[in-house]
Protein backbone atom coordinates (compact mmCIF):
# COMPACT_ATOMS: atom_id res chain seq x y z
CA MET A 1 -31.76 -25.22 20.34
CA THR A 2 -30.54 -26.45 16.91
CA LYS A 3 -27.59 -25.15 15.00
CA ALA A 4 -29.97 -23.59 12.53
CA THR A 5 -31.50 -21.17 15.13
CA THR A 6 -28.02 -20.15 16.61
CA GLY A 7 -26.57 -18.76 13.34
CA CYS A 8 -23.06 -20.40 14.10
CA CYS A 9 -23.49 -22.72 10.84
CA GLU A 10 -24.69 -20.24 8.29
CA PRO A 11 -22.84 -20.33 4.95
CA PRO A 12 -20.47 -17.25 4.35
CA VAL A 13 -22.38 -14.48 2.55
CA HIS A 14 -20.87 -13.75 -0.96
CA ARG A 15 -21.12 -10.29 -2.11
CA PRO A 16 -21.64 -9.69 -5.87
CA ALA A 17 -18.17 -8.41 -7.63
CA THR A 18 -19.69 -4.97 -8.01
CA PHE A 19 -19.05 -4.66 -4.40
CA THR A 20 -15.87 -6.36 -3.74
CA ALA A 21 -13.91 -5.15 -6.90
CA PRO A 22 -13.73 -1.58 -5.86
CA LEU A 23 -12.79 -2.50 -2.34
CA THR A 24 -10.13 -4.69 -3.54
CA ARG A 25 -8.68 -1.97 -5.60
CA ALA A 26 -8.61 0.57 -2.96
CA PHE A 27 -6.79 -1.76 -0.76
CA ARG A 28 -4.15 -2.70 -3.40
CA TRP A 29 -3.71 1.15 -4.00
CA LEU A 30 -3.29 1.83 -0.45
CA ARG A 31 -0.71 -0.94 0.03
CA GLU A 32 1.30 0.27 -3.10
CA ALA A 33 1.03 3.66 -1.80
CA TYR A 34 2.34 2.64 1.67
CA ARG A 35 5.01 0.64 -0.11
CA VAL A 36 6.14 3.83 -2.23
CA SER A 37 5.92 5.98 0.99
CA CYS A 38 8.30 3.67 3.02
CA GLN A 39 10.93 3.57 0.08
CA ARG A 40 10.89 7.34 -0.21
CA ARG A 41 11.55 7.75 3.35
CA ALA A 42 14.46 4.80 3.19
CA LEU A 43 15.88 6.97 0.19
CA LEU A 44 15.76 10.22 2.07
CA ALA A 45 18.02 8.52 4.97
CA LEU A 46 20.55 7.28 2.39
CA ASP A 47 23.99 9.21 2.63
CA ALA A 48 25.95 10.62 -0.18
CA ALA A 49 27.94 7.41 -0.64
CA MET A 50 24.89 5.49 -1.06
CA LEU A 51 23.08 7.61 -3.45
CA LYS A 52 26.19 7.64 -5.75
CA ASP A 53 26.03 3.95 -5.72
CA LEU A 54 22.54 4.19 -7.07
CA GLY A 55 23.59 6.72 -9.60
CA LEU A 56 21.50 9.72 -7.68
CA SER A 57 22.19 12.85 -6.44
CA ARG A 58 21.05 14.54 -3.21
CA VAL A 59 18.68 16.90 -4.99
CA ASP A 60 17.19 13.76 -7.00
CA ALA A 61 16.50 11.81 -3.60
CA LEU A 62 15.16 15.06 -2.04
CA GLN A 63 12.62 15.57 -5.06
CA GLU A 64 11.65 12.07 -4.72
CA GLY A 65 11.61 11.79 -1.24
CA HIS A 66 9.44 14.67 -0.55
CA LYS A 67 6.62 13.65 -2.87
CA PRO A 68 3.20 12.95 -1.62
CA PHE A 69 2.02 9.42 -1.18
CA TRP A 70 -0.60 9.66 -3.69
CA ARG A 71 1.78 10.41 -6.76
CA LEU A 72 2.91 6.92 -7.41
């Protein structure tokens, strides 16, 4: 059996930009939404002194922390 018939040495498939661009944007958006979601959860965990250091009130933190992840 030769390498050409096994398929192990075939060149990688290059998909056109029209296929990969939307996927790339979707993954970037998901990564950013996850990052924001983690930050909002961390904001909710801060105590009053830490919020004061940031110049935020508890109400501000609650409003931001309870936003859905898709609202960046």
